[in-house]
Amino acid sequence: MRDGRLGLPHSFPFGKMRVLGGRELLWVGPLSPIPLLLVERVRSTCRGSLNLYALSVGALDSSSAEEFLVRASAGVLGAAKVHAEATRGRDPATRFVELLRSLFAAGKAYAKDRQTGKHPRGWEELGWEKFEDSCGDDVYRPKRGADFVAWVDNTYIYLDREAAYAAVAAFAHRGGIPFGIRPRVLWGALKRAGISLTDSERTDTTARVEGNGKRVIQIPRAIICGEEES
């Protein structure tokens, strides 16, 4: 027996339909609702793909196509459930900061001095290493495999928006860590959490780095390094 609106069995394993705040939801577990709009979009997408390909070439008959539709819809919604449970209770701002800290701690990200573009004060915890050249002089360079993500001074870190987001997203992907956060949503979350300093009506600000003005995400250095430089 099927739900007439969704084309899914009434025994569909994810739960019952409920209304919350005027929105119709498919409950997939404790505190894990999925908007009905998403459910119907999944169903529509699956059916459209079948009509355009499988049915047109005779790969499936109508009965098999309907069965496949149910399985495909369940699979996509199952993935949504896993993502919802994995990210439950973790706001985007907190998740991003934790991942960025991990990147620096692992030597996979580095920040340049805001004015000189060279190694900053406290370079050891900001992705740099020191060695002696053939003349016995100290040479500083980013750690092998570290990606540039920001500039820094004694008080703030100025994130390059594109570089920082790409580095964190790639790090999360490699570690199998859920990070389905769009940049605009992320920068907005940092602003709402009071982590970033922003211009009015924006989620970023302008800073002068290496002699040029650039729009950046400005956050306190202490958030990443634990304490400010004196």
C-alpha atoms as a PDB file:
ATOM      1  CA  MET A   1       0.000   0.000   0.000  1.00  0.00           C
ATOM      2  CA  ARG A   2       1.389   3.394  -0.981  1.00  0.00           C
ATOM      3  CA  ASP A   3       1.160   6.995   0.122  1.00  0.00           C
ATOM      4  CA  GLY A   4      -0.727   8.683  -2.701  1.00  0.00           C
ATOM      5  CA  ARG A   5       1.370  11.843  -2.624  1.00  0.00           C
ATOM      6  CA  LEU A   6       4.825  10.295  -2.482  1.00  0.00           C
ATOM      7  CA  GLY A   7       4.486   6.972  -4.239  1.00  0.00           C
ATOM      8  CA  LEU A   8       6.237   5.385  -1.265  1.00  0.00           C
ATOM      9  CA  PRO A   9       5.026   2.404   0.754  1.00  0.00           C
ATOM     10  CA  HIS A  10       3.235   3.198   4.025  1.00  0.00           C
ATOM     11  CA  SER A  11       5.858   0.948   5.635  1.00  0.00           C
ATOM     12  CA  PHE A  12       8.587   3.314   4.383  1.00  0.00           C
ATOM     13  CA  PRO A  13      11.281   2.906   7.062  1.00  0.00           C
ATOM     14  CA  PHE A  14      11.984   6.550   7.780  1.00  0.00           C
ATOM     15  CA  GLY A  15       8.822   7.390   9.750  1.00  0.00           C
ATOM     16  CA  LYS A  16       5.624   9.388   9.589  1.00  0.00           C
ATOM     17  CA  MET A  17       4.501  12.632   8.024  1.00  0.00           C
ATOM     18  CA  ARG A  18       4.204  15.529  10.458  1.00  0.00           C
ATOM     19  CA  VAL A  19       3.588  19.264  10.271  1.00  0.00           C
ATOM     20  CA  LEU A  20       5.954  21.594  12.112  1.00  0.00           C
ATOM     21  CA  GLY A  21       5.900  25.357  11.855  1.00  0.00           C
ATOM     22  CA  GLY A  22       3.573  25.172   8.862  1.00  0.00           C
ATOM     23  CA  ARG A  23       5.989  22.927   6.931  1.00  0.00           C
ATOM     24  CA  GLU A  24       5.220  19.341   6.041  1.00  0.00           C
ATOM     25  CA  LEU A  25       8.070  17.072   7.077  1.00  0.00           C
ATOM     26  CA  LEU A  26       9.055  13.439   6.705  1.00  0.00           C
ATOM     27  CA  TRP A  27      10.438  12.367  10.076  1.00  0.00           C
ATOM     28  CA  VAL A  28      13.514  10.185   9.592  1.00  0.00           C
ATOM     29  CA  GLY A  29      14.566   9.824  13.181  1.00  0.00           C
ATOM     30  CA  PRO A  30      14.815  11.766  16.448  1.00  0.00           C
ATOM     31  CA  LEU A  31      15.354  15.459  15.671  1.00  0.00           C
ATOM     32  CA  SER A  32      15.972  14.618  12.003  1.00  0.00           C
ATOM     33  CA  PRO A  33      13.079  15.882   9.847  1.00  0.00           C
ATOM     34  CA  ILE A  34      13.378  16.191   6.075  1.00  0.00           C
ATOM     35  CA  PRO A  35      11.157  18.748   4.319  1.00  0.00           C
ATOM     36  CA  LEU A  36       8.471  17.153   2.183  1.00  0.00           C
ATOM     37  CA  LEU A  37       9.646  19.379  -0.666  1.00  0.00           C
ATOM     38  CA  LEU A  38      12.945  17.468  -0.662  1.00  0.00           C
ATOM     39  CA  VAL A  39      11.144  14.137  -0.654  1.00  0.00           C
ATOM     40  CA  GLU A  40       9.041  15.089  -3.651  1.00  0.00           C
ATOM     41  CA  ARG A  41      12.048  16.592  -5.426  1.00  0.00           C
ATOM     42  CA  VAL A  42      13.927  13.302  -4.996  1.00  0.00           C
ATOM     43  CA  ARG A  43      10.956  11.379  -6.311  1.00  0.00           C
ATOM     44  CA  SER A  44      10.563  13.739  -9.268  1.00  0.00           C
ATOM     45  CA  THR A  45      14.241  13.549 -10.134  1.00  0.00           C
ATOM     46  CA  CYS A  46      14.308   9.760  -9.969  1.00  0.00           C
ATOM     47  CA  ARG A  47      11.175   9.434 -12.065  1.00  0.00           C
ATOM     48  CA  GLY A  48      12.470  11.939 -14.619  1.00  0.00           C
ATOM     49  CA  SER A  49      15.709  10.007 -15.006  1.00  0.00           C
ATOM     50  CA  LEU A  50      13.795   6.767 -15.489  1.00  0.00           C
ATOM     51  CA  ASN A  51      11.489   8.278 -18.091  1.00  0.00           C
ATOM     52  CA  LEU A  52      14.352   9.792 -20.012  1.00  0.00           C
ATOM     53  CA  TYR A  53      16.593   6.768 -20.011  1.00  0.00           C
ATOM     54  CA  ALA A  54      15.605   3.437 -18.531  1.00  0.00           C
ATOM     55  CA  LEU A  55      12.052   3.311 -19.853  1.00  0.00           C
ATOM     56  CA  SER A  56      12.903   4.852 -23.213  1.00  0.00           C
ATOM     57  CA  VAL A  57      15.520   2.221 -24.010  1.00  0.00           C
ATOM     58  CA  GLY A  58      13.477  -0.639 -22.619  1.00  0.00           C
ATOM     59  CA  ALA A  59      15.911  -1.326 -19.774  1.00  0.00           C
ATOM     60  CA  LEU A  60      13.008  -1.513 -17.293  1.00  0.00           C
ATOM     61  CA  ASP A  61       9.307  -2.133 -17.628  1.00  0.00           C
ATOM     62  CA  SER A  62       6.846   0.079 -15.763  1.00  0.00           C
ATOM     63  CA  SER A  63       6.611  -2.297 -12.779  1.00  0.00           C
ATOM     64  CA  SER A  64      10.363  -2.570 -12.375  1.00  0.00           C
ATOM     65  CA  ALA A  65      10.709   1.171 -12.849  1.00  0.00           C
ATOM     66  CA  GLU A  66       8.308   1.843  -9.997  1.00  0.00           C
ATOM     67  CA  GLU A  67      10.218  -0.524  -7.728  1.00  0.00           C
ATOM     68  CA  PHE A  68      13.484   1.151  -8.675  1.00  0.00           C
ATOM     69  CA  LEU A  69      11.955   4.547  -7.944  1.00  0.00           C
ATOM     70  CA  VAL A  70      11.136   3.481  -4.391  1.00  0.00           C
ATOM     71  CA  ARG A  71      14.635   2.084  -3.816  1.00  0.00           C
ATOM     72  CA  ALA A  72      16.348   5.143  -5.288  1.00  0.00           C
ATOM     73  CA  SER A  73      14.228   7.546  -3.250  1.00  0.00           C
ATOM     74  CA  ALA A  74      14.937   5.572  -0.081  1.00  0.00           C
ATOM     75  CA  GLY A  75      18.657   5.583  -0.792  1.00  0.00           C
ATOM     76  CA  VAL A  76      18.881   9.333  -1.251  1.00  0.00           C
ATOM     77  CA  LEU A  77      16.768  10.024   1.811  1.00  0.00           C
ATOM     78  CA  GLY A  78      18.849   7.541   3.782  1.00  0.00           C
ATOM     79  CA  ALA A  79      21.953   9.540   2.917  1.00  0.00           C
ATOM     80  CA  ALA A  80      20.168  12.692   4.034  1.00  0.00           C
ATOM     81  CA  LYS A  81      19.378  11.021   7.349  1.00  0.00           C
ATOM     82  CA  VAL A  82      22.999  10.061   7.900  1.00  0.00           C
ATOM     83  CA  HIS A  83      24.104  13.613   7.159  1.00  0.00           C
ATOM     84  CA  ALA A  84      21.475  15.089   9.491  1.00  0.00           C
ATOM     85  CA  GLU A  85      22.537  12.812  12.335  1.00  0.00           C
ATOM     86  CA  ALA A  86      26.246  13.449  11.754  1.00  0.00           C
ATOM     87  CA  THR A  87      25.809  17.226  11.870  1.00  0.00           C
ATOM     88  CA  ARG A  88      23.182  17.356  14.620  1.00  0.00           C
ATOM     89  CA  GLY A  89      23.991  19.945  17.267  1.00  0.00           C
ATOM     90  CA  ARG A  90      27.075  21.219  15.437  1.00  0.00           C
ATOM     91  CA  ASP A  91      26.688  24.722  14.064  1.00  0.00           C
ATOM     92  CA  PRO A  92      28.663  25.627  10.905  1.00  0.00           C
ATOM     93  CA  ALA A  93      30.817  28.216  12.685  1.00  0.00           C
ATOM     94  CA  THR A  94      32.009  25.776  15.347  1.00  0.00           C
ATOM     95  CA  ARG A  95      32.637  23.018  12.820  1.00  0.00           C
ATOM     96  CA  PHE A  96      34.665  25.341  10.573  1.00  0.00           C
ATOM     97  CA  VAL A  97      36.819  26.668  13.412  1.00  0.00           C
ATOM     98  CA  GLU A  98      37.535  23.149  14.660  1.00  0.00           C
ATOM     99  CA  LEU A  99      38.561  21.984  11.196  1.00  0.00           C
ATOM    100  CA  LEU A 100      40.732  25.051  10.639  1.00  0.00           C
ATOM    101  CA  ARG A 101      42.491  24.451  13.954  1.00  0.00           C
ATOM    102  CA  SER A 102      43.087  20.856  12.945  1.00  0.00           C
ATOM    103  CA  LEU A 103      44.591  21.982   9.646  1.00  0.00           C
ATOM    104  CA  PHE A 104      47.110  24.229  11.378  1.00  0.00           C
ATOM    105  CA  ALA A 105      47.860  21.617  14.038  1.00  0.00           C
ATOM    106  CA  ALA A 106      48.560  19.042  11.329  1.00  0.00           C
ATOM    107  CA  GLY A 107      50.784  21.430   9.392  1.00  0.00           C
ATOM    108  CA  LYS A 108      48.425  21.376   6.429  1.00  0.00           C
ATOM    109  CA  ALA A 109      47.707  25.115   6.379  1.00  0.00           C
ATOM    110  CA  TYR A 110      49.846  28.215   6.773  1.00  0.00           C
ATOM    111  CA  ALA A 111      49.328  31.942   7.290  1.00  0.00           C
ATOM    112  CA  LYS A 112      51.605  34.750   6.115  1.00  0.00           C
ATOM    113  CA  ASP A 113      52.526  37.924   7.933  1.00  0.00           C
ATOM    114  CA  ARG A 114      49.900  40.511   7.072  1.00  0.00           C
ATOM    115  CA  GLN A 115      52.418  43.213   6.129  1.00  0.00           C
ATOM    116  CA  THR A 116      55.456  41.369   4.755  1.00  0.00           C
ATOM    117  CA  GLY A 117      53.912  38.220   3.319  1.00  0.00           C
ATOM    118  CA  LYS A 118      56.673  36.243   5.013  1.00  0.00           C
ATOM    119  CA  HIS A 119      56.729  34.042   8.103  1.00  0.00           C
ATOM    120  CA  PRO A 120      54.785  35.644  10.968  1.00  0.00           C
ATOM    121  CA  ARG A 121      55.449  35.842  14.680  1.00  0.00           C
ATOM    122  CA  GLY A 122      54.485  32.531  16.206  1.00  0.00           C
ATOM    123  CA  TRP A 123      55.301  30.851  12.892  1.00  0.00           C
ATOM    124  CA  GLU A 124      55.645  27.439  14.553  1.00  0.00           C
ATOM    125  CA  GLU A 125      51.895  27.127  15.065  1.00  0.00           C
ATOM    126  CA  LEU A 126      50.949  28.786  11.806  1.00  0.00           C
ATOM    127  CA  GLY A 127      52.248  26.234   9.337  1.00  0.00           C
ATOM    128  CA  TRP A 128      55.911  27.241   8.935  1.00  0.00           C
ATOM    129  CA  GLU A 129      59.208  25.449   9.519  1.00  0.00           C
ATOM    130  CA  LYS A 130      62.793  26.637   9.970  1.00  0.00           C
ATOM    131  CA  PHE A 131      66.029  25.203   8.653  1.00  0.00           C
ATOM    132  CA  GLU A 132      69.581  26.330   8.022  1.00  0.00           C
ATOM    133  CA  ASP A 133      70.848  26.971   4.529  1.00  0.00           C
ATOM    134  CA  SER A 134      74.345  26.145   3.320  1.00  0.00           C
ATOM    135  CA  CYS A 135      75.664  29.371   4.839  1.00  0.00           C
ATOM    136  CA  GLY A 136      74.232  28.566   8.259  1.00  0.00           C
ATOM    137  CA  ASP A 137      71.509  31.190   8.026  1.00  0.00           C
ATOM    138  CA  ASP A 138      67.983  30.519   9.223  1.00  0.00           C
ATOM    139  CA  VAL A 139      65.447  30.070   6.437  1.00  0.00           C
ATOM    140  CA  TYR A 140      61.696  29.904   6.967  1.00  0.00           C
ATOM    141  CA  ARG A 141      59.264  28.235   4.623  1.00  0.00           C
ATOM    142  CA  PRO A 142      55.720  26.814   4.712  1.00  0.00           C
ATOM    143  CA  LYS A 143      55.602  23.191   5.767  1.00  0.00           C
ATOM    144  CA  ARG A 144      55.569  20.676   2.969  1.00  0.00           C
ATOM    145  CA  GLY A 145      52.019  20.073   1.777  1.00  0.00           C
ATOM    146  CA  ALA A 146      50.601  23.084   3.640  1.00  0.00           C
ATOM    147  CA  ASP A 147      48.079  25.266   1.811  1.00  0.00           C
ATOM    148  CA  PHE A 148      47.985  29.024   2.162  1.00  0.00           C
ATOM    149  CA  VAL A 149      44.756  30.103   3.883  1.00  0.00           C
ATOM    150  CA  ALA A 150      45.310  33.479   5.575  1.00  0.00           C
ATOM    151  CA  TRP A 151      47.370  36.454   6.669  1.00  0.00           C
ATOM    152  CA  VAL A 152      48.010  37.217  10.322  1.00  0.00           C
ATOM    153  CA  ASP A 153      49.178  39.930  12.705  1.00  0.00           C
ATOM    154  CA  ASN A 154      49.481  39.947  16.492  1.00  0.00           C
ATOM    155  CA  THR A 155      45.726  40.148  17.026  1.00  0.00           C
ATOM    156  CA  TYR A 156      43.797  38.821  14.045  1.00  0.00           C
ATOM    157  CA  ILE A 157      43.830  36.225  11.317  1.00  0.00           C
ATOM    158  CA  TYR A 158      42.579  37.409   7.933  1.00  0.00           C
ATOM    159  CA  LEU A 159      41.245  34.430   6.029  1.00  0.00           C
ATOM    160  CA  ASP A 160      41.422  34.370   2.266  1.00  0.00           C
ATOM    161  CA  ARG A 161      37.809  33.387   1.656  1.00  0.00           C
ATOM    162  CA  GLU A 162      38.331  31.089  -1.322  1.00  0.00           C
ATOM    163  CA  ALA A 163      41.590  29.513  -0.119  1.00  0.00           C
ATOM    164  CA  ALA A 164      40.419  28.903   3.453  1.00  0.00           C
ATOM    165  CA  TYR A 165      37.100  27.424   2.408  1.00  0.00           C
ATOM    166  CA  ALA A 166      38.730  25.148  -0.186  1.00  0.00           C
ATOM    167  CA  ALA A 167      41.349  23.907   2.282  1.00  0.00           C
ATOM    168  CA  VAL A 168      38.838  23.125   5.014  1.00  0.00           C
ATOM    169  CA  ALA A 169      36.365  21.482   2.624  1.00  0.00           C
ATOM    170  CA  ALA A 170      39.117  19.304   1.118  1.00  0.00           C
ATOM    171  CA  PHE A 171      40.393  18.345   4.578  1.00  0.00           C
ATOM    172  CA  ALA A 172      36.881  17.370   5.665  1.00  0.00           C
ATOM    173  CA  HIS A 173      36.342  15.357   2.484  1.00  0.00           C
ATOM    174  CA  ARG A 174      39.590  13.413   2.939  1.00  0.00           C
ATOM    175  CA  GLY A 175      38.656  12.628   6.522  1.00  0.00           C
ATOM    176  CA  GLY A 176      35.090  11.620   5.748  1.00  0.00           C
ATOM    177  CA  ILE A 177      33.806  14.508   7.878  1.00  0.00           C
ATOM    178  CA  PRO A 178      30.415  15.970   6.896  1.00  0.00           C
ATOM    179  CA  PHE A 179      30.895  19.542   5.663  1.00  0.00           C
ATOM    180  CA  GLY A 180      28.031  20.344   3.323  1.00  0.00           C
ATOM    181  CA  ILE A 181      28.182  24.051   4.118  1.00  0.00           C
ATOM    182  CA  ARG A 182      28.078  26.680   1.377  1.00  0.00           C
ATOM    183  CA  PRO A 183      30.543  29.582   1.732  1.00  0.00           C
ATOM    184  CA  ARG A 184      27.814  32.238   2.055  1.00  0.00           C
ATOM    185  CA  VAL A 185      26.089  30.240   4.794  1.00  0.00           C
ATOM    186  CA  LEU A 186      29.387  29.655   6.577  1.00  0.00           C
ATOM    187  CA  TRP A 187      30.465  33.306   6.596  1.00  0.00           C
ATOM    188  CA  GLY A 188      27.012  34.287   7.810  1.00  0.00           C
ATOM    189  CA  ALA A 189      27.252  31.740  10.628  1.00  0.00           C
ATOM    190  CA  LEU A 190      30.635  33.129  11.722  1.00  0.00           C
ATOM    191  CA  LYS A 191      29.151  36.617  11.830  1.00  0.00           C
ATOM    192  CA  ARG A 192      26.072  35.535  13.814  1.00  0.00           C
ATOM    193  CA  ALA A 193      28.270  33.650  16.273  1.00  0.00           C
ATOM    194  CA  GLY A 194      30.253  36.829  16.904  1.00  0.00           C
ATOM    195  CA  ILE A 195      33.460  35.185  15.676  1.00  0.00           C
ATOM    196  CA  SER A 196      34.201  37.350  12.642  1.00  0.00           C
ATOM    197  CA  LEU A 197      34.487  41.127  12.404  1.00  0.00           C
ATOM    198  CA  THR A 198      32.496  42.382   9.436  1.00  0.00           C
ATOM    199  CA  ASP A 199      31.446  45.497   7.612  1.00  0.00           C
ATOM    200  CA  SER A 200      27.851  46.644   7.957  1.00  0.00           C
ATOM    201  CA  GLU A 201      25.425  44.615   5.848  1.00  0.00           C
ATOM    202  CA  ARG A 202      28.189  42.156   4.877  1.00  0.00           C
ATOM    203  CA  THR A 203      29.664  38.903   6.143  1.00  0.00           C
ATOM    204  CA  ASP A 204      33.276  39.934   5.444  1.00  0.00           C
ATOM    205  CA  THR A 205      35.477  43.014   5.732  1.00  0.00           C
ATOM    206  CA  THR A 206      38.308  44.780   3.920  1.00  0.00           C
ATOM    207  CA  ALA A 207      41.865  44.523   5.221  1.00  0.00           C
ATOM    208  CA  ARG A 208      45.190  45.707   3.883  1.00  0.00           C
ATOM    209  CA  VAL A 209      47.426  42.699   3.286  1.00  0.00           C
ATOM    210  CA  GLU A 210      50.868  42.836   1.695  1.00  0.00           C
ATOM    211  CA  GLY A 211      50.157  46.423   0.686  1.00  0.00           C
ATOM    212  CA  ASN A 212      46.837  45.723  -1.058  1.00  0.00           C
ATOM    213  CA  GLY A 213      43.207  45.958  -0.003  1.00  0.00           C
ATOM    214  CA  LYS A 214      41.366  42.646   0.009  1.00  0.00           C
ATOM    215  CA  ARG A 215      38.047  41.345   1.269  1.00  0.00           C
ATOM    216  CA  VAL A 216      38.708  38.785   3.986  1.00  0.00           C
ATOM    217  CA  ILE A 217      37.133  36.963   6.898  1.00  0.00           C
ATOM    218  CA  GLN A 218      38.686  38.578   9.978  1.00  0.00           C
ATOM    219  CA  ILE A 219      38.720  36.492  13.146  1.00  0.00           C
ATOM    220  CA  PRO A 220      40.665  36.808  16.416  1.00  0.00           C
ATOM    221  CA  ARG A 221      44.022  35.076  16.308  1.00  0.00           C
ATOM    222  CA  ALA A 222      43.338  33.568  19.728  1.00  0.00           C
ATOM    223  CA  ILE A 223      40.524  31.453  18.266  1.00  0.00           C
ATOM    224  CA  ILE A 224      43.049  29.497  16.196  1.00  0.00           C
ATOM    225  CA  CYS A 225      46.259  29.832  18.191  1.00  0.00           C
ATOM    226  CA  GLY A 226      44.839  29.641  21.687  1.00  0.00           C
ATOM    227  CA  GLU A 227      46.285  32.937  22.875  1.00  0.00           C
ATOM    228  CA  GLU A 228      47.252  36.263  21.396  1.00  0.00           C
ATOM    229  CA  GLU A 229      50.818  37.315  20.814  1.00  0.00           C
ATOM    230  CA  SER A 230      52.057  39.951  23.245  1.00  0.00           C
END
